[in-house]
Amino acid sequence: MGDRLRQKPRTEWYETPHSLLPMRKAFKGSFIVAGGYNRTEGNRVVAENYSDLVAFGRLFLANPDLPRRFELDAPLNKYNRNTFYIPDPIIGYTDYPFLDQDVPA
Protein backbone atom coordinates (compact mmCIF):
# COMPACT_ATOMS: atom_id res chain seq x y z
CA MET A 1 0.00 0.00 0.00
CA GLY A 2 2.84 2.45 0.75
CA ASP A 3 4.10 2.24 -2.84
CA ARG A 4 0.66 3.07 -4.16
CA LEU A 5 0.47 6.14 -1.91
CA ARG A 6 3.83 7.37 -3.17
CA GLN A 7 2.79 6.91 -6.79
CA LYS A 8 -0.48 8.89 -6.52
CA PRO A 9 -1.28 12.07 -4.66
CA ARG A 10 -3.20 11.24 -1.49
CA THR A 11 -6.27 13.08 -2.80
CA GLU A 12 -6.64 10.47 -5.55
CA TRP A 13 -6.24 7.40 -3.35
CA TYR A 14 -9.12 5.33 -2.04
CA GLU A 15 -9.69 1.80 -0.83
CA THR A 16 -10.43 -0.70 -3.53
CA PRO A 17 -13.95 -2.01 -2.93
CA HIS A 18 -12.95 -5.69 -2.74
CA SER A 19 -10.59 -4.90 0.15
CA LEU A 20 -13.59 -3.60 2.11
CA LEU A 21 -15.54 -6.87 1.91
CA PRO A 22 -14.10 -8.65 4.98
CA MET A 23 -14.93 -5.70 7.22
CA ARG A 24 -18.29 -5.16 5.52
CA LYS A 25 -19.28 -8.78 6.12
CA ALA A 26 -18.02 -8.82 9.72
CA PHE A 27 -19.78 -5.62 10.77
CA LYS A 28 -23.56 -5.77 11.15
CA GLY A 29 -24.27 -2.02 11.51
CA SER A 30 -24.09 0.83 9.03
CA PHE A 31 -20.72 0.72 7.29
CA ILE A 32 -19.06 4.02 6.43
CA VAL A 33 -15.90 4.39 4.33
CA ALA A 34 -13.62 7.39 3.93
CA GLY A 35 -10.27 8.28 2.50
CA GLY A 36 -10.00 10.11 -0.79
CA TYR A 37 -13.20 9.01 -2.50
CA ASN A 38 -14.55 11.20 -5.27
CA ARG A 39 -18.20 11.42 -6.35
CA THR A 40 -17.99 8.59 -8.88
CA GLU A 41 -16.14 6.12 -6.66
CA GLY A 42 -18.28 7.01 -3.65
CA ASN A 43 -21.45 6.30 -5.60
CA ARG A 44 -19.97 3.07 -6.91
CA VAL A 45 -19.04 1.57 -3.53
CA VAL A 46 -22.55 2.31 -2.23
CA ALA A 47 -24.31 1.05 -5.39
CA GLU A 48 -22.28 -2.18 -5.35
CA ASN A 49 -23.03 -2.69 -1.63
CA TYR A 50 -19.43 -2.39 -0.43
CA SER A 51 -20.52 0.38 1.94
CA ASP A 52 -23.67 2.09 3.21
CA LEU A 53 -22.20 5.58 3.34
CA VAL A 54 -19.13 7.50 2.19
CA ALA A 55 -17.52 10.32 4.19
CA PHE A 56 -15.99 13.21 2.26
CA GLY A 57 -14.09 15.12 4.98
CA ARG A 58 -11.45 17.06 3.05
CA LEU A 59 -13.80 17.68 0.14
CA PHE A 60 -16.40 19.11 2.54
CA LEU A 61 -13.83 21.43 4.08
CA ALA A 62 -13.07 22.94 0.70
CA ASN A 63 -16.62 22.74 -0.65
CA PRO A 64 -19.17 23.85 1.92
CA ASP A 65 -21.88 23.17 -0.66
CA LEU A 66 -20.57 19.71 -1.59
CA PRO A 67 -23.98 18.00 -1.95
CA ARG A 68 -25.09 20.66 -4.43
CA ARG A 69 -21.82 20.38 -6.35
CA PHE A 70 -22.25 16.60 -6.52
CA GLU A 71 -25.86 17.00 -7.64
CA LEU A 72 -24.85 19.37 -10.45
CA ASP A 73 -21.58 17.55 -11.18
CA ALA A 74 -19.97 20.98 -10.69
CA PRO A 75 -16.22 21.53 -10.34
CA LEU A 76 -14.79 21.21 -6.84
CA ASN A 77 -12.56 23.62 -4.95
CA LYS A 78 -9.17 22.12 -4.18
CA TYR A 79 -8.38 21.97 -0.49
CA ASN A 80 -5.24 23.37 1.06
CA ARG A 81 -3.93 20.89 3.62
CA ASN A 82 -1.56 23.56 5.01
CA THR A 83 -4.57 25.42 6.43
CA PHE A 84 -6.01 22.42 8.28
CA TYR A 85 -6.10 22.74 12.07
CA ILE A 86 -4.48 26.13 12.33
CA PRO A 87 -5.63 28.80 14.81
CA ASP A 88 -6.25 31.49 12.17
CA PRO A 89 -10.05 31.96 11.98
CA ILE A 90 -9.91 33.74 8.60
CA ILE A 91 -8.17 31.22 6.36
CA GLY A 92 -8.80 27.55 5.81
CA TYR A 93 -12.21 26.54 7.05
CA THR A 94 -14.10 29.73 6.25
CA ASP A 95 -12.67 31.09 3.02
CA TYR A 96 -13.63 28.49 0.41
CA PRO A 97 -16.11 29.86 -2.13
CA PHE A 98 -19.60 28.52 -2.66
CA LEU A 99 -20.91 27.90 -6.17
CA ASP A 100 -21.97 31.02 -7.97
CA GLN A 101 -25.47 31.94 -6.87
CA ASP A 102 -26.55 32.10 -10.54
CA VAL A 103 -26.11 28.35 -11.02
CA PRO A 104 -29.62 26.84 -11.34
CA ALA A 105 -30.71 24.50 -8.55
PDB file of N, CA and C in Angstrom:
ATOM      1  N   MET A   1       0.832  -1.186   0.000  1.00  0.00           N
ATOM      2  CA  MET A   1       0.000   0.000   0.000  1.00  0.00           C
ATOM      3  C   MET A   1       0.871   1.241   0.000  1.00  0.00           C
ATOM      4  N   GLY A   2       1.981   1.278   0.702  1.00  0.00           N
ATOM      5  CA  GLY A   2       2.843   2.445   0.746  1.00  0.00           C
ATOM      6  C   GLY A   2       3.324   2.867  -0.630  1.00  0.00           C
ATOM      7  N   ASP A   3       3.662   1.900  -1.487  1.00  0.00           N
ATOM      8  CA  ASP A   3       4.102   2.236  -2.839  1.00  0.00           C
ATOM      9  C   ASP A   3       2.996   2.929  -3.617  1.00  0.00           C
ATOM     10  N   ARG A   4       1.776   2.465  -3.441  1.00  0.00           N
ATOM     11  CA  ARG A   4       0.661   3.067  -4.159  1.00  0.00           C
ATOM     12  C   ARG A   4       0.460   4.511  -3.700  1.00  0.00           C
ATOM     13  N   LEU A   5       0.625   4.780  -2.421  1.00  0.00           N
ATOM     14  CA  LEU A   5       0.466   6.136  -1.915  1.00  0.00           C
ATOM     15  C   LEU A   5       1.549   7.055  -2.449  1.00  0.00           C
ATOM     16  N   ARG A   6       2.751   6.541  -2.629  1.00  0.00           N
ATOM     17  CA  ARG A   6       3.831   7.369  -3.166  1.00  0.00           C
ATOM     18  C   ARG A   6       3.629   7.646  -4.656  1.00  0.00           C
ATOM     19  N   GLN A   7       2.978   6.740  -5.369  1.00  0.00           N
ATOM     20  CA  GLN A   7       2.789   6.914  -6.793  1.00  0.00           C
ATOM     21  C   GLN A   7       1.674   7.902  -7.121  1.00  0.00           C
ATOM     22  N   LYS A   8       0.660   8.007  -6.269  1.00  0.00           N
ATOM     23  CA  LYS A   8      -0.476   8.889  -6.522  1.00  0.00           C
ATOM     24  C   LYS A   8      -0.577   9.914  -5.413  1.00  0.00           C
ATOM     25  N   PRO A   9      -1.007  11.118  -5.737  1.00  0.00           N
ATOM     26  CA  PRO A   9      -1.281  12.068  -4.660  1.00  0.00           C
ATOM     27  C   PRO A   9      -2.361  11.507  -3.743  1.00  0.00           C
ATOM     28  N   ARG A  10      -2.256  11.773  -2.478  1.00  0.00           N
ATOM     29  CA  ARG A  10      -3.197  11.241  -1.490  1.00  0.00           C
ATOM     30  C   ARG A  10      -4.648  11.571  -1.842  1.00  0.00           C
ATOM     31  N   THR A  11      -4.903  12.697  -2.475  1.00  0.00           N
ATOM     32  CA  THR A  11      -6.271  13.083  -2.802  1.00  0.00           C
ATOM     33  C   THR A  11      -6.899  12.154  -3.833  1.00  0.00           C
ATOM     34  N   GLU A  12      -6.103  11.372  -4.539  1.00  0.00           N
ATOM     35  CA  GLU A  12      -6.639  10.472  -5.546  1.00  0.00           C
ATOM     36  C   GLU A  12      -6.689   9.034  -5.072  1.00  0.00           C
ATOM     37  N   TRP A  13      -6.299   8.763  -3.850  1.00  0.00           N
ATOM     38  CA  TRP A  13      -6.235   7.396  -3.353  1.00  0.00           C
ATOM     39  C   TRP A  13      -7.509   7.038  -2.615  1.00  0.00           C
ATOM     40  N   TYR A  14      -7.977   5.841  -2.776  1.00  0.00           N
ATOM     41  CA  TYR A  14      -9.125   5.334  -2.044  1.00  0.00           C
ATOM     42  C   TYR A  14      -8.980   3.825  -1.920  1.00  0.00           C
ATOM     43  N   GLU A  15      -9.713   3.248  -0.992  1.00  0.00           N
ATOM     44  CA  GLU A  15      -9.691   1.803  -0.825  1.00  0.00           C
ATOM     45  C   GLU A  15     -10.326   1.141  -2.042  1.00  0.00           C
ATOM     46  N   THR A  16      -9.774   0.043  -2.475  1.00  0.00           N
ATOM     47  CA  THR A  16     -10.433  -0.697  -3.535  1.00  0.00           C
ATOM     48  C   THR A  16     -11.607  -1.435  -2.904  1.00  0.00           C
ATOM     49  N   PRO A  17     -12.749  -1.441  -3.552  1.00  0.00           N
ATOM     50  CA  PRO A  17     -13.946  -2.014  -2.926  1.00  0.00           C
ATOM     51  C   PRO A  17     -13.778  -3.447  -2.430  1.00  0.00           C
ATOM     52  N   HIS A  18     -13.075  -4.298  -3.186  1.00  0.00           N
ATOM     53  CA  HIS A  18     -12.949  -5.686  -2.744  1.00  0.00           C
ATOM     54  C   HIS A  18     -12.185  -5.800  -1.429  1.00  0.00           C
ATOM     55  N   SER A  19     -11.306  -4.850  -1.123  1.00  0.00           N
ATOM     56  CA  SER A  19     -10.589  -4.904   0.151  1.00  0.00           C
ATOM     57  C   SER A  19     -11.485  -4.543   1.327  1.00  0.00           C
ATOM     58  N   LEU A  20     -12.645  -3.955   1.058  1.00  0.00           N
ATOM     59  CA  LEU A  20     -13.591  -3.602   2.110  1.00  0.00           C
ATOM     60  C   LEU A  20     -14.481  -4.778   2.506  1.00  0.00           C
ATOM     61  N   LEU A  21     -14.585  -5.785   1.669  1.00  0.00           N
ATOM     62  CA  LEU A  21     -15.536  -6.868   1.906  1.00  0.00           C
ATOM     63  C   LEU A  21     -15.377  -7.586   3.239  1.00  0.00           C
ATOM     64  N   PRO A  22     -14.180  -7.958   3.687  1.00  0.00           N
ATOM     65  CA  PRO A  22     -14.099  -8.653   4.976  1.00  0.00           C
ATOM     66  C   PRO A  22     -14.676  -7.830   6.130  1.00  0.00           C
ATOM     67  N   MET A  23     -14.384  -6.541   6.162  1.00  0.00           N
ATOM     68  CA  MET A  23     -14.934  -5.698   7.221  1.00  0.00           C
ATOM     69  C   MET A  23     -16.437  -5.512   7.030  1.00  0.00           C
ATOM     70  N   ARG A  24     -16.869  -5.334   5.821  1.00  0.00           N
ATOM     71  CA  ARG A  24     -18.290  -5.156   5.519  1.00  0.00           C
ATOM     72  C   ARG A  24     -19.088  -6.357   5.989  1.00  0.00           C
ATOM     73  N   LYS A  25     -18.578  -7.552   5.725  1.00  0.00           N
ATOM     74  CA  LYS A  25     -19.279  -8.779   6.120  1.00  0.00           C
ATOM     75  C   LYS A  25     -19.244  -9.008   7.627  1.00  0.00           C
ATOM     76  N   ALA A  26     -18.161  -8.593   8.279  1.00  0.00           N
ATOM     77  CA  ALA A  26     -18.017  -8.818   9.717  1.00  0.00           C
ATOM     78  C   ALA A  26     -18.837  -7.841  10.549  1.00  0.00           C
ATOM     79  N   PHE A  27     -19.093  -6.662  10.014  1.00  0.00           N
ATOM     80  CA  PHE A  27     -19.776  -5.616  10.774  1.00  0.00           C
ATOM     81  C   PHE A  27     -21.248  -5.624  10.406  1.00  0.00           C
ATOM     82  N   LYS A  28     -22.122  -5.654  11.405  1.00  0.00           N
ATOM     83  CA  LYS A  28     -23.561  -5.772  11.146  1.00  0.00           C
ATOM     84  C   LYS A  28     -24.288  -4.435  11.116  1.00  0.00           C
ATOM     85  N   GLY A  29     -23.631  -3.331  11.516  1.00  0.00           N
ATOM     86  CA  GLY A  29     -24.270  -2.020  11.512  1.00  0.00           C
ATOM     87  C   GLY A  29     -24.041  -1.295  10.202  1.00  0.00           C
ATOM     88  N   SER A  30     -24.353  -0.007  10.204  1.00  0.00           N
ATOM     89  CA  SER A  30     -24.093   0.825   9.025  1.00  0.00           C
ATOM     90  C   SER A  30     -22.590   0.935   8.819  1.00  0.00           C
ATOM     91  N   PHE A  31     -22.149   0.740   7.610  1.00  0.00           N
ATOM     92  CA  PHE A  31     -20.722   0.716   7.288  1.00  0.00           C
ATOM     93  C   PHE A  31     -20.371   1.968   6.497  1.00  0.00           C
ATOM     94  N   ILE A  32     -19.459   2.763   7.046  1.00  0.00           N
ATOM     95  CA  ILE A  32     -19.055   4.020   6.431  1.00  0.00           C
ATOM     96  C   ILE A  32     -17.592   3.922   6.011  1.00  0.00           C
ATOM     97  N   VAL A  33     -17.278   4.349   4.795  1.00  0.00           N
ATOM     98  CA  VAL A  33     -15.901   4.386   4.327  1.00  0.00           C
ATOM     99  C   VAL A  33     -15.476   5.837   4.118  1.00  0.00           C
ATOM    100  N   ALA A  34     -14.182   6.060   4.153  1.00  0.00           N
ATOM    101  CA  ALA A  34     -13.623   7.393   3.932  1.00  0.00           C
ATOM    102  C   ALA A  34     -12.210   7.237   3.414  1.00  0.00           C
ATOM    103  N   GLY A  35     -11.668   8.320   2.887  1.00  0.00           N
ATOM    104  CA  GLY A  35     -10.270   8.276   2.495  1.00  0.00           C
ATOM    105  C   GLY A  35     -10.021   8.546   1.035  1.00  0.00           C
ATOM    106  N   GLY A  36     -10.365   9.733   0.557  1.00  0.00           N
ATOM    107  CA  GLY A  36      -9.999  10.108  -0.793  1.00  0.00           C
ATOM    108  C   GLY A  36     -10.997   9.730  -1.865  1.00  0.00           C
ATOM    109  N   TYR A  37     -12.196   9.334  -1.495  1.00  0.00           N
ATOM    110  CA  TYR A  37     -13.201   9.009  -2.505  1.00  0.00           C
ATOM    111  C   TYR A  37     -13.650  10.269  -3.236  1.00  0.00           C
ATOM    112  N   ASN A  38     -13.933  10.122  -4.513  1.00  0.00           N
ATOM    113  CA  ASN A  38     -14.554  11.201  -5.266  1.00  0.00           C
ATOM    114  C   ASN A  38     -16.025  10.832  -5.469  1.00  0.00           C
ATOM    115  N   ARG A  39     -16.763  11.655  -6.151  1.00  0.00           N
ATOM    116  CA  ARG A  39     -18.199  11.419  -6.350  1.00  0.00           C
ATOM    117  C   ARG A  39     -18.463  10.079  -7.033  1.00  0.00           C
ATOM    118  N   THR A  40     -17.763   9.807  -8.097  1.00  0.00           N
ATOM    119  CA  THR A  40     -17.987   8.588  -8.880  1.00  0.00           C
ATOM    120  C   THR A  40     -17.686   7.336  -8.063  1.00  0.00           C
ATOM    121  N   GLU A  41     -16.523   7.298  -7.436  1.00  0.00           N
ATOM    122  CA  GLU A  41     -16.144   6.118  -6.657  1.00  0.00           C
ATOM    123  C   GLU A  41     -17.013   5.965  -5.413  1.00  0.00           C
ATOM    124  N   GLY A  42     -17.385   7.079  -4.797  1.00  0.00           N
ATOM    125  CA  GLY A  42     -18.282   7.014  -3.650  1.00  0.00           C
ATOM    126  C   GLY A  42     -19.625   6.410  -4.022  1.00  0.00           C
ATOM    127  N   ASN A  43     -20.183   6.859  -5.132  1.00  0.00           N
ATOM    128  CA  ASN A  43     -21.450   6.297  -5.602  1.00  0.00           C
ATOM    129  C   ASN A  43     -21.308   4.820  -5.941  1.00  0.00           C
ATOM    130  N   ARG A  44     -20.180   4.468  -6.503  1.00  0.00           N
ATOM    131  CA  ARG A  44     -19.965   3.074  -6.913  1.00  0.00           C
ATOM    132  C   ARG A  44     -19.910   2.127  -5.717  1.00  0.00           C
ATOM    133  N   VAL A  45     -19.151   2.489  -4.660  1.00  0.00           N
ATOM    134  CA  VAL A  45     -19.040   1.566  -3.525  1.00  0.00           C
ATOM    135  C   VAL A  45     -20.373   1.405  -2.795  1.00  0.00           C
ATOM    136  N   VAL A  46     -21.225   2.442  -2.827  1.00  0.00           N
ATOM    137  CA  VAL A  46     -22.554   2.311  -2.226  1.00  0.00           C
ATOM    138  C   VAL A  46     -23.458   1.479  -3.137  1.00  0.00           C
ATOM    139  N   ALA A  47     -23.454   1.773  -4.438  1.00  0.00           N
ATOM    140  CA  ALA A  47     -24.310   1.049  -5.385  1.00  0.00           C
ATOM    141  C   ALA A  47     -23.972  -0.437  -5.438  1.00  0.00           C
ATOM    142  N   GLU A  48     -22.700  -0.775  -5.286  1.00  0.00           N
ATOM    143  CA  GLU A  48     -22.280  -2.181  -5.350  1.00  0.00           C
ATOM    144  C   GLU A  48     -22.268  -2.842  -3.978  1.00  0.00           C
ATOM    145  N   ASN A  49     -22.840  -2.153  -2.974  1.00  0.00           N
ATOM    146  CA  ASN A  49     -23.026  -2.687  -1.629  1.00  0.00           C
ATOM    147  C   ASN A  49     -21.723  -2.992  -0.885  1.00  0.00           C
ATOM    148  N   TYR A  50     -20.660  -2.268  -1.197  1.00  0.00           N
ATOM    149  CA  TYR A  50     -19.434  -2.388  -0.431  1.00  0.00           C
ATOM    150  C   TYR A  50     -19.486  -1.513   0.816  1.00  0.00           C
ATOM    151  N   SER A  51     -20.377  -0.538   0.820  1.00  0.00           N
ATOM    152  CA  SER A  51     -20.517   0.385   1.935  1.00  0.00           C
ATOM    153  C   SER A  51     -21.944   0.940   1.939  1.00  0.00           C
ATOM    154  N   ASP A  52     -22.363   1.422   3.120  1.00  0.00           N
ATOM    155  CA  ASP A  52     -23.665   2.085   3.210  1.00  0.00           C
ATOM    156  C   ASP A  52     -23.533   3.582   2.966  1.00  0.00           C
ATOM    157  N   LEU A  53     -22.424   4.140   3.410  1.00  0.00           N
ATOM    158  CA  LEU A  53     -22.197   5.581   3.338  1.00  0.00           C
ATOM    159  C   LEU A  53     -20.738   5.859   3.006  1.00  0.00           C
ATOM    160  N   VAL A  54     -20.484   7.055   2.478  1.00  0.00           N
ATOM    161  CA  VAL A  54     -19.125   7.504   2.189  1.00  0.00           C
ATOM    162  C   VAL A  54     -18.933   8.867   2.837  1.00  0.00           C
ATOM    163  N   ALA A  55     -17.848   9.032   3.583  1.00  0.00           N
ATOM    164  CA  ALA A  55     -17.519  10.322   4.195  1.00  0.00           C
ATOM    165  C   ALA A  55     -16.564  11.073   3.271  1.00  0.00           C
ATOM    166  N   PHE A  56     -16.805  12.361   3.129  1.00  0.00           N
ATOM    167  CA  PHE A  56     -15.993  13.214   2.263  1.00  0.00           C
ATOM    168  C   PHE A  56     -15.416  14.364   3.083  1.00  0.00           C
ATOM    169  N   GLY A  57     -14.587  14.101   4.064  1.00  0.00           N
ATOM    170  CA  GLY A  57     -14.089  15.117   4.983  1.00  0.00           C
ATOM    171  C   GLY A  57     -13.351  16.267   4.323  1.00  0.00           C
ATOM    172  N   ARG A  58     -12.262  15.991   3.659  1.00  0.00           N
ATOM    173  CA  ARG A  58     -11.455  17.058   3.054  1.00  0.00           C
ATOM    174  C   ARG A  58     -12.234  17.785   1.959  1.00  0.00           C
ATOM    175  N   LEU A  59     -13.007  17.029   1.184  1.00  0.00           N
ATOM    176  CA  LEU A  59     -13.801  17.679   0.139  1.00  0.00           C
ATOM    177  C   LEU A  59     -14.844  18.608   0.739  1.00  0.00           C
ATOM    178  N   PHE A  60     -15.427  18.227   1.887  1.00  0.00           N
ATOM    179  CA  PHE A  60     -16.400  19.106   2.539  1.00  0.00           C
ATOM    180  C   PHE A  60     -15.743  20.356   3.093  1.00  0.00           C
ATOM    181  N   LEU A  61     -14.515  20.234   3.580  1.00  0.00           N
ATOM    182  CA  LEU A  61     -13.826  21.425   4.076  1.00  0.00           C
ATOM    183  C   LEU A  61     -13.672  22.467   2.978  1.00  0.00           C
ATOM    184  N   ALA A  62     -13.330  22.026   1.800  1.00  0.00           N
ATOM    185  CA  ALA A  62     -13.074  22.944   0.695  1.00  0.00           C
ATOM    186  C   ALA A  62     -14.325  23.291  -0.113  1.00  0.00           C
ATOM    187  N   ASN A  63     -15.391  22.550   0.110  1.00  0.00           N
ATOM    188  CA  ASN A  63     -16.622  22.745  -0.648  1.00  0.00           C
ATOM    189  C   ASN A  63     -17.809  22.716   0.309  1.00  0.00           C
ATOM    190  N   PRO A  64     -18.098  23.848   0.937  1.00  0.00           N
ATOM    191  CA  PRO A  64     -19.171  23.854   1.925  1.00  0.00           C
ATOM    192  C   PRO A  64     -20.536  23.505   1.340  1.00  0.00           C
ATOM    193  N   ASP A  65     -20.645  23.537   0.031  1.00  0.00           N
ATOM    194  CA  ASP A  65     -21.878  23.168  -0.662  1.00  0.00           C
ATOM    195  C   ASP A  65     -21.683  21.863  -1.452  1.00  0.00           C
ATOM    196  N   LEU A  66     -20.928  20.948  -0.886  1.00  0.00           N
ATOM    197  CA  LEU A  66     -20.568  19.710  -1.594  1.00  0.00           C
ATOM    198  C   LEU A  66     -21.777  18.926  -2.125  1.00  0.00           C
ATOM    199  N   PRO A  67     -22.848  18.738  -1.368  1.00  0.00           N
ATOM    200  CA  PRO A  67     -23.984  17.999  -1.946  1.00  0.00           C
ATOM    201  C   PRO A  67     -24.530  18.652  -3.217  1.00  0.00           C
ATOM    202  N   ARG A  68     -24.604  19.963  -3.225  1.00  0.00           N
ATOM    203  CA  ARG A  68     -25.091  20.660  -4.431  1.00  0.00           C
ATOM    204  C   ARG A  68     -24.109  20.487  -5.584  1.00  0.00           C
ATOM    205  N   ARG A  69     -22.821  20.585  -5.300  1.00  0.00           N
ATOM    206  CA  ARG A  69     -21.822  20.381  -6.352  1.00  0.00           C
ATOM    207  C   ARG A  69     -21.912  18.967  -6.919  1.00  0.00           C
ATOM    208  N   PHE A  70     -22.091  17.980  -6.051  1.00  0.00           N
ATOM    209  CA  PHE A  70     -22.245  16.601  -6.521  1.00  0.00           C
ATOM    210  C   PHE A  70     -23.513  16.473  -7.365  1.00  0.00           C
ATOM    211  N   GLU A  71     -24.597  17.068  -6.911  1.00  0.00           N
ATOM    212  CA  GLU A  71     -25.857  16.995  -7.637  1.00  0.00           C
ATOM    213  C   GLU A  71     -25.727  17.579  -9.047  1.00  0.00           C
ATOM    214  N   LEU A  72     -25.021  18.696  -9.156  1.00  0.00           N
ATOM    215  CA  LEU A  72     -24.849  19.372 -10.446  1.00  0.00           C
ATOM    216  C   LEU A  72     -23.633  18.878 -11.224  1.00  0.00           C
ATOM    217  N   ASP A  73     -22.859  17.993 -10.615  1.00  0.00           N
ATOM    218  CA  ASP A  73     -21.584  17.554 -11.184  1.00  0.00           C
ATOM    219  C   ASP A  73     -20.706  18.773 -11.483  1.00  0.00           C
ATOM    220  N   ALA A  74     -20.718  19.725 -10.550  1.00  0.00           N
ATOM    221  CA  ALA A  74     -19.967  20.976 -10.687  1.00  0.00           C
ATOM    222  C   ALA A  74     -18.508  20.771 -10.286  1.00  0.00           C
ATOM    223  N   PRO A  75     -17.630  21.624 -10.747  1.00  0.00           N
ATOM    224  CA  PRO A  75     -16.219  21.526 -10.340  1.00  0.00           C
ATOM    225  C   PRO A  75     -16.074  21.736  -8.839  1.00  0.00           C
ATOM    226  N   LEU A  76     -15.055  21.105  -8.277  1.00  0.00           N
ATOM    227  CA  LEU A  76     -14.789  21.206  -6.840  1.00  0.00           C
ATOM    228  C   LEU A  76     -13.636  22.149  -6.569  1.00  0.00           C
ATOM    229  N   ASN A  77     -13.715  22.856  -5.428  1.00  0.00           N
ATOM    230  CA  ASN A  77     -12.565  23.620  -4.951  1.00  0.00           C
ATOM    231  C   ASN A  77     -11.507  22.636  -4.488  1.00  0.00           C
ATOM    232  N   LYS A  78     -10.265  22.943  -4.712  1.00  0.00           N
ATOM    233  CA  LYS A  78      -9.169  22.123  -4.180  1.00  0.00           C
ATOM    234  C   LYS A  78      -8.895  22.570  -2.755  1.00  0.00           C
ATOM    235  N   TYR A  79      -8.671  21.601  -1.877  1.00  0.00           N
ATOM    236  CA  TYR A  79      -8.384  21.965  -0.490  1.00  0.00           C
ATOM    237  C   TYR A  79      -6.907  22.252  -0.309  1.00  0.00           C
ATOM    238  N   ASN A  80      -6.616  23.028   0.711  1.00  0.00           N
ATOM    239  CA  ASN A  80      -5.239  23.374   1.056  1.00  0.00           C
ATOM    240  C   ASN A  80      -4.925  22.752   2.413  1.00  0.00           C
ATOM    241  N   ARG A  81      -4.247  21.631   2.398  1.00  0.00           N
ATOM    242  CA  ARG A  81      -3.933  20.892   3.624  1.00  0.00           C
ATOM    243  C   ARG A  81      -3.129  21.750   4.616  1.00  0.00           C
ATOM    244  N   ASN A  82      -2.360  22.713   4.124  1.00  0.00           N
ATOM    245  CA  ASN A  82      -1.562  23.562   5.009  1.00  0.00           C
ATOM    246  C   ASN A  82      -2.417  24.436   5.919  1.00  0.00           C
ATOM    247  N   THR A  83      -3.690  24.607   5.588  1.00  0.00           N
ATOM    248  CA  THR A  83      -4.568  25.425   6.433  1.00  0.00           C
ATOM    249  C   THR A  83      -5.434  24.586   7.365  1.00  0.00           C
ATOM    250  N   PHE A  84      -5.246  23.275   7.376  1.00  0.00           N
ATOM    251  CA  PHE A  84      -6.011  22.418   8.281  1.00  0.00           C
ATOM    252  C   PHE A  84      -5.499  22.600   9.707  1.00  0.00           C
ATOM    253  N   TYR A  85      -6.415  22.727  10.634  1.00  0.00           N
ATOM    254  CA  TYR A  85      -6.103  22.739  12.067  1.00  0.00           C
ATOM    255  C   TYR A  85      -5.116  23.830  12.469  1.00  0.00           C
ATOM    256  N   ILE A  86      -5.293  25.002  11.919  1.00  0.00           N
ATOM    257  CA  ILE A  86      -4.479  26.132  12.330  1.00  0.00           C
ATOM    258  C   ILE A  86      -5.379  27.089  13.117  1.00  0.00           C
ATOM    259  N   PRO A  87      -4.802  27.925  13.962  1.00  0.00           N
ATOM    260  CA  PRO A  87      -5.626  28.801  14.806  1.00  0.00           C
ATOM    261  C   PRO A  87      -6.206  30.013  14.091  1.00  0.00           C
ATOM    262  N   ASP A  88      -5.772  30.308  12.875  1.00  0.00           N
ATOM    263  CA  ASP A  88      -6.248  31.490  12.167  1.00  0.00           C
ATOM    264  C   ASP A  88      -7.722  31.301  11.777  1.00  0.00           C
ATOM    265  N   PRO A  89      -8.625  32.141  12.277  1.00  0.00           N
ATOM    266  CA  PRO A  89     -10.052  31.960  11.981  1.00  0.00           C
ATOM    267  C   PRO A  89     -10.464  32.479  10.605  1.00  0.00           C
ATOM    268  N   ILE A  90      -9.555  33.118   9.882  1.00  0.00           N
ATOM    269  CA  ILE A  90      -9.907  33.738   8.605  1.00  0.00           C
ATOM    270  C   ILE A  90      -9.583  32.839   7.413  1.00  0.00           C
ATOM    271  N   ILE A  91      -8.529  32.065   7.502  1.00  0.00           N
ATOM    272  CA  ILE A  91      -8.174  31.218   6.361  1.00  0.00           C
ATOM    273  C   ILE A  91      -8.416  29.749   6.684  1.00  0.00           C
ATOM    274  N   GLY A  92      -8.649  29.001   5.655  1.00  0.00           N
ATOM    275  CA  GLY A  92      -8.805  27.555   5.813  1.00  0.00           C
ATOM    276  C   GLY A  92     -10.249  27.113   5.806  1.00  0.00           C
ATOM    277  N   TYR A  93     -10.866  27.099   6.951  1.00  0.00           N
ATOM    278  CA  TYR A  93     -12.209  26.544   7.046  1.00  0.00           C
ATOM    279  C   TYR A  93     -13.302  27.504   6.609  1.00  0.00           C
ATOM    280  N   THR A  94     -13.029  28.768   6.518  1.00  0.00           N
ATOM    281  CA  THR A  94     -14.095  29.733   6.253  1.00  0.00           C
ATOM    282  C   THR A  94     -13.954  30.495   4.941  1.00  0.00           C
ATOM    283  N   ASP A  95     -12.894  30.255   4.202  1.00  0.00           N
ATOM    284  CA  ASP A  95     -12.670  31.089   3.017  1.00  0.00           C
ATOM    285  C   ASP A  95     -12.878  30.381   1.678  1.00  0.00           C
ATOM    286  N   TYR A  96     -13.379  29.178   1.679  1.00  0.00           N
ATOM    287  CA  TYR A  96     -13.627  28.491   0.413  1.00  0.00           C
ATOM    288  C   TYR A  96     -14.921  29.002  -0.202  1.00  0.00           C
ATOM    289  N   PRO A  97     -14.907  29.280  -1.499  1.00  0.00           N
ATOM    290  CA  PRO A  97     -16.107  29.856  -2.127  1.00  0.00           C
ATOM    291  C   PRO A  97     -17.208  28.823  -2.368  1.00  0.00           C
ATOM    292  N   PHE A  98     -18.440  29.299  -2.277  1.00  0.00           N
ATOM    293  CA  PHE A  98     -19.600  28.520  -2.664  1.00  0.00           C
ATOM    294  C   PHE A  98     -19.750  28.630  -4.182  1.00  0.00           C
ATOM    295  N   LEU A  99     -20.575  27.763  -4.747  1.00  0.00           N
ATOM    296  CA  LEU A  99     -20.905  27.897  -6.174  1.00  0.00           C
ATOM    297  C   LEU A  99     -21.516  29.273  -6.403  1.00  0.00           C
ATOM    298  N   ASP A 100     -21.350  29.752  -7.595  1.00  0.00           N
ATOM    299  CA  ASP A 100     -21.970  31.016  -7.968  1.00  0.00           C
ATOM    300  C   ASP A 100     -23.476  30.920  -7.749  1.00  0.00           C
ATOM    301  N   GLN A 101     -24.046  31.937  -7.172  1.00  0.00           N
ATOM    302  CA  GLN A 101     -25.473  31.940  -6.868  1.00  0.00           C
ATOM    303  C   GLN A 101     -26.346  31.851  -8.122  1.00  0.00           C
ATOM    304  N   ASP A 102     -25.778  32.127  -9.288  1.00  0.00           N
ATOM    305  CA  ASP A 102     -26.547  32.099 -10.538  1.00  0.00           C
ATOM    306  C   ASP A 102     -26.704  30.690 -11.118  1.00  0.00           C
ATOM    307  N   VAL A 103     -26.001  29.710 -10.527  1.00  0.00           N
ATOM    308  CA  VAL A 103     -26.109  28.346 -11.023  1.00  0.00           C
ATOM    309  C   VAL A 103     -27.501  27.821 -10.667  1.00  0.00           C
ATOM    310  N   PRO A 104     -28.269  27.310 -11.644  1.00  0.00           N
ATOM    311  CA  PRO A 104     -29.623  26.842 -11.335  1.00  0.00           C
ATOM    312  C   PRO A 104     -29.610  25.651 -10.382  1.00  0.00           C
ATOM    313  N   ALA A 105     -30.596  25.590  -9.527  1.00  0.00           N
ATOM    314  CA  ALA A 105     -30.707  24.499  -8.554  1.00  0.00           C
ATOM    315  C   ALA A 105     -31.269  23.261  -9.206  1.00  0.00           C
TER     316      ALA A 105
END
